[in-house]
Amino acid sequence: MQSSACIFDLDGVIVDTARYHFLAWKRLTDQLGIHFTEEDNERLKGVSRMASLEIILEIGNKKVDESQKQEYATLKNNWYIDYISKMTPDEILPGSLAFIKELKNANIRVAIGSASKNTPMILERVGILELFDAVADGNIVRKAKPDPEVFIKAAEMVGIKPGKCVVFEDAVAGVQAALNAGMMCIGVGSSKILKEAHFVVSGLNEMNLKKLMTIKKDIRL
């Protein structure tokens, strides 16, 4: 595993902020008179804020101009920031911290690859910002998943070739982005939903270095 890197999506992999996204979008859709469910929210996983808004407007069959879209996106983000600003280390998902520390102790580079512009705030609030060798997020990349830009950028930041990187993702668009980057992808969540991933676990509590090495040996790109 020398000269290797593990790149983690943040939301739904290391912390569960999906519920905060849902609460903020639900608050907006209620205001707009759009029926928005948790099932609808699944379509937004791994998708940028503006692209998410487009999906929501499509669900509600509403057409608005660009300035109104910006206003809605800002409103949603302000609500979301209010929610995540109250996050604590207790909200780190089970097994995440132990696995990341095990990787670092084995001299494996670890990075974040997230579409969220709020990534640094979340990492700081839960106390793990300093654990990562690099953070590639919505503040430095322009293209949303399934475009591979965020993962390619993360690999560049840690100085590891894409083919030597393993991505941990909970969203279909994120899995596709990892594959588009030429990286191995381990899905975190449902194997039925993340069927394109090379391997799927329900959470990082199922991962350790020995298992990762076995997966890499069995699955060659």
Protein backbone atom coordinates (compact mmCIF):
# COMPACT_ATOMS: atom_id res chain seq x y z
CA MET A 1 0.00 0.00 0.00
CA GLN A 2 3.01 2.30 -0.20
CA SER A 3 2.54 5.28 -2.54
CA SER A 4 -1.23 4.90 -2.25
CA ALA A 5 -4.02 7.22 -1.19
CA CYS A 6 -7.54 6.93 0.15
CA ILE A 7 -9.97 9.69 -0.79
CA PHE A 8 -13.14 10.09 1.23
CA ASP A 9 -16.37 11.82 0.40
CA LEU A 10 -17.51 13.63 3.54
CA ASP A 11 -21.31 13.65 3.73
CA GLY A 12 -22.65 10.18 4.48
CA VAL A 13 -19.20 8.59 4.70
CA ILE A 14 -17.42 10.28 7.62
CA VAL A 15 -20.26 12.36 9.02
CA ASP A 16 -24.00 12.26 8.42
CA THR A 17 -24.93 15.71 7.18
CA ALA A 18 -27.54 14.36 4.76
CA ARG A 19 -30.24 14.99 7.36
CA TYR A 20 -29.19 18.64 7.64
CA HIS A 21 -29.31 19.02 3.86
CA PHE A 22 -32.78 17.48 3.90
CA LEU A 23 -34.00 19.79 6.67
CA ALA A 24 -32.71 22.87 4.82
CA TRP A 25 -34.10 21.82 1.44
CA LYS A 26 -37.42 20.81 3.06
CA ARG A 27 -37.64 24.23 4.66
CA LEU A 28 -37.16 25.83 1.24
CA THR A 29 -39.55 23.52 -0.60
CA ASP A 30 -42.26 24.04 2.01
CA GLN A 31 -41.87 27.77 1.43
CA LEU A 32 -42.14 27.25 -2.33
CA GLY A 33 -45.11 24.88 -2.07
CA ILE A 34 -43.14 21.91 -3.48
CA HIS A 35 -43.78 18.42 -2.10
CA PHE A 36 -40.29 17.13 -1.23
CA THR A 37 -39.62 13.75 0.38
CA GLU A 38 -36.60 11.93 1.82
CA GLU A 39 -36.73 9.75 -1.29
CA ASP A 40 -36.39 12.90 -3.43
CA ASN A 41 -33.45 13.90 -1.22
CA GLU A 42 -31.58 10.74 -2.27
CA ARG A 43 -31.31 12.22 -5.77
CA LEU A 44 -29.33 15.14 -4.35
CA LYS A 45 -26.55 13.07 -2.77
CA GLY A 46 -23.15 13.99 -4.19
CA VAL A 47 -24.72 16.73 -6.32
CA SER A 48 -23.74 20.41 -6.14
CA ARG A 49 -26.03 22.99 -4.53
CA MET A 50 -27.16 24.60 -7.78
CA ALA A 51 -27.65 21.25 -9.50
CA SER A 52 -29.69 20.13 -6.47
CA LEU A 53 -31.85 23.22 -6.76
CA GLU A 54 -32.46 22.47 -10.44
CA ILE A 55 -33.67 18.98 -9.49
CA ILE A 56 -35.98 20.41 -6.84
CA LEU A 57 -37.46 22.97 -9.25
CA GLU A 58 -37.98 20.14 -11.74
CA ILE A 59 -39.80 18.11 -9.06
CA GLY A 60 -42.05 21.09 -8.36
CA ASN A 61 -42.40 21.95 -12.06
CA LYS A 62 -41.33 25.51 -11.33
CA LYS A 63 -39.38 27.87 -13.55
CA VAL A 64 -37.50 30.83 -12.05
CA ASP A 65 -34.83 33.20 -13.33
CA GLU A 66 -31.15 32.96 -12.43
CA SER A 67 -31.22 35.69 -9.80
CA GLN A 68 -34.09 33.92 -8.01
CA LYS A 69 -32.17 30.64 -8.16
CA GLN A 70 -29.18 32.30 -6.49
CA GLU A 71 -31.45 33.70 -3.80
CA TYR A 72 -32.99 30.28 -3.11
CA ALA A 73 -29.59 28.56 -3.03
CA THR A 74 -28.22 31.17 -0.63
CA LEU A 75 -31.27 30.86 1.62
CA LYS A 76 -30.94 27.07 1.76
CA ASN A 77 -27.21 27.29 2.45
CA ASN A 78 -27.70 29.80 5.27
CA TRP A 79 -30.13 27.42 6.95
CA TYR A 80 -27.77 24.48 6.37
CA ILE A 81 -24.79 26.38 7.84
CA ASP A 82 -26.87 27.21 10.89
CA TYR A 83 -27.52 23.48 11.40
CA ILE A 84 -23.93 22.29 10.84
CA SER A 85 -22.41 25.08 12.93
CA LYS A 86 -23.78 23.19 15.93
CA MET A 87 -22.15 19.85 14.99
CA THR A 88 -19.90 18.07 17.49
CA PRO A 89 -17.31 15.23 17.32
CA ASP A 90 -20.08 12.87 18.45
CA GLU A 91 -21.48 13.09 14.92
CA ILE A 92 -18.51 11.31 13.32
CA LEU A 93 -19.87 8.05 11.93
CA PRO A 94 -18.82 4.80 13.69
CA GLY A 95 -15.45 3.39 12.64
CA SER A 96 -14.43 6.41 10.54
CA LEU A 97 -11.87 7.84 12.93
CA ALA A 98 -10.22 4.49 13.72
CA PHE A 99 -9.92 3.56 10.03
CA ILE A 100 -8.46 6.91 8.96
CA LYS A 101 -5.94 6.82 11.81
CA GLU A 102 -4.95 3.27 10.84
CA LEU A 103 -4.32 4.43 7.27
CA LYS A 104 -2.19 7.35 8.43
CA ASN A 105 -0.16 5.08 10.73
CA ALA A 106 0.56 2.93 7.66
CA ASN A 107 1.81 6.02 5.76
CA ILE A 108 -1.14 5.97 3.38
CA ARG A 109 -2.16 9.44 2.27
CA VAL A 110 -5.71 10.44 3.14
CA ALA A 111 -7.75 13.17 1.47
CA ILE A 112 -11.27 14.53 1.26
CA GLY A 113 -13.08 14.77 -2.07
CA SER A 114 -16.38 16.55 -1.51
CA ALA A 115 -18.63 18.80 -3.57
CA SER A 116 -19.56 20.77 -0.46
CA LYS A 117 -18.16 24.27 0.01
CA ASN A 118 -18.82 23.84 3.73
CA THR A 119 -16.34 20.95 4.04
CA PRO A 120 -13.68 22.87 6.05
CA MET A 121 -16.28 24.09 8.55
CA ILE A 122 -17.66 20.59 9.08
CA LEU A 123 -14.21 19.04 9.50
CA GLU A 124 -13.27 21.75 11.97
CA ARG A 125 -16.50 21.44 13.94
CA VAL A 126 -16.06 17.68 14.41
CA GLY A 127 -12.35 18.10 15.15
CA ILE A 128 -10.71 16.12 12.34
CA LEU A 129 -9.49 18.75 9.88
CA GLU A 130 -5.84 18.16 10.77
CA LEU A 131 -6.12 14.42 10.03
CA PHE A 132 -6.26 14.93 6.27
CA ASP A 133 -3.29 15.48 3.98
CA ALA A 134 -5.50 17.36 1.52
CA VAL A 135 -9.03 18.69 1.18
CA ALA A 136 -10.48 19.01 -2.33
CA ASP A 137 -13.94 20.55 -2.14
CA GLY A 138 -16.44 22.86 -3.76
CA ASN A 139 -14.23 25.85 -2.98
CA ILE A 140 -11.52 24.73 -5.40
CA VAL A 141 -13.33 22.64 -8.01
CA ARG A 142 -15.99 23.73 -10.45
CA LYS A 143 -17.42 20.56 -11.95
CA ALA A 144 -19.92 18.48 -10.01
CA LYS A 145 -19.82 14.70 -9.69
CA PRO A 146 -20.05 12.49 -11.75
CA ASP A 147 -17.31 14.60 -13.30
CA PRO A 148 -14.06 13.27 -11.78
CA GLU A 149 -12.52 16.70 -11.17
CA VAL A 150 -12.76 16.64 -7.36
CA PHE A 151 -11.07 13.24 -7.08
CA ILE A 152 -8.42 14.06 -9.68
CA LYS A 153 -7.67 17.24 -7.73
CA ALA A 154 -7.42 15.35 -4.45
CA ALA A 155 -4.97 12.88 -6.02
CA GLU A 156 -2.86 15.75 -7.37
CA MET A 157 -2.83 17.43 -3.94
CA VAL A 158 -1.40 14.31 -2.26
CA GLY A 159 0.93 13.52 -5.17
CA ILE A 160 -0.54 10.10 -5.96
CA LYS A 161 -1.55 8.81 -9.41
CA PRO A 162 -5.32 8.21 -9.84
CA GLY A 163 -4.82 4.49 -10.41
CA LYS A 164 -3.26 4.22 -6.95
CA CYS A 165 -6.20 5.89 -5.21
CA VAL A 166 -9.20 4.28 -3.52
CA VAL A 167 -12.36 6.37 -3.15
CA PHE A 168 -14.99 5.88 -0.44
CA GLU A 169 -18.39 7.16 -1.61
CA ASP A 170 -22.03 6.94 -0.55
CA ALA A 171 -23.64 8.49 -3.66
CA VAL A 172 -24.23 7.09 -7.15
CA ALA A 173 -22.84 10.27 -8.75
CA GLY A 174 -19.76 9.99 -6.54
CA VAL A 175 -19.16 6.35 -7.46
CA GLN A 176 -19.41 7.31 -11.12
CA ALA A 177 -16.97 10.18 -10.56
CA ALA A 178 -14.45 7.81 -8.98
CA LEU A 179 -14.76 5.38 -11.88
CA ASN A 180 -14.43 8.24 -14.35
CA ALA A 181 -11.20 9.18 -12.57
CA GLY A 182 -9.85 5.67 -13.08
CA MET A 183 -9.91 4.95 -9.36
CA MET A 184 -11.06 1.98 -7.34
CA CYS A 185 -14.28 2.78 -5.52
CA ILE A 186 -15.64 1.32 -2.31
CA GLY A 187 -19.29 2.22 -1.84
CA VAL A 188 -20.53 3.13 1.62
CA GLY A 189 -24.21 2.29 1.99
CA SER A 190 -26.55 0.00 0.07
CA SER A 191 -25.13 -2.50 -2.43
CA LYS A 192 -28.38 -2.22 -4.40
CA ILE A 193 -27.94 1.51 -4.86
CA LEU A 194 -24.14 1.55 -5.21
CA LYS A 195 -23.94 -1.46 -7.53
CA GLU A 196 -21.38 0.22 -9.81
CA ALA A 197 -18.80 0.35 -7.00
CA HIS A 198 -16.04 -2.27 -6.93
CA PHE A 199 -16.99 -3.24 -3.38
CA VAL A 200 -19.63 -2.04 -0.91
CA VAL A 201 -19.68 -1.79 2.89
CA SER A 202 -22.50 -0.45 5.03
CA GLY A 203 -20.12 1.89 6.89
CA LEU A 204 -16.45 2.52 7.62
CA ASN A 205 -16.86 0.49 10.81
CA GLU A 206 -16.59 -2.50 8.46
CA MET A 207 -13.22 -1.34 7.11
CA ASN A 208 -9.65 -1.88 8.27
CA LEU A 209 -6.27 -1.91 6.54
CA LYS A 210 -6.14 -5.70 6.17
CA LYS A 211 -9.55 -5.76 4.49
CA LEU A 212 -8.57 -2.87 2.20
CA MET A 213 -5.42 -4.72 1.09
CA THR A 214 -7.48 -7.85 0.38
CA ILE A 215 -9.99 -5.87 -1.69
CA LYS A 216 -7.19 -4.22 -3.68
CA LYS A 217 -5.59 -7.60 -4.32
CA ASP A 218 -8.84 -9.19 -5.49
CA ILE A 219 -9.92 -6.23 -7.64
CA ARG A 220 -7.38 -4.97 -10.13
CA LEU A 221 -8.25 -2.01 -12.34
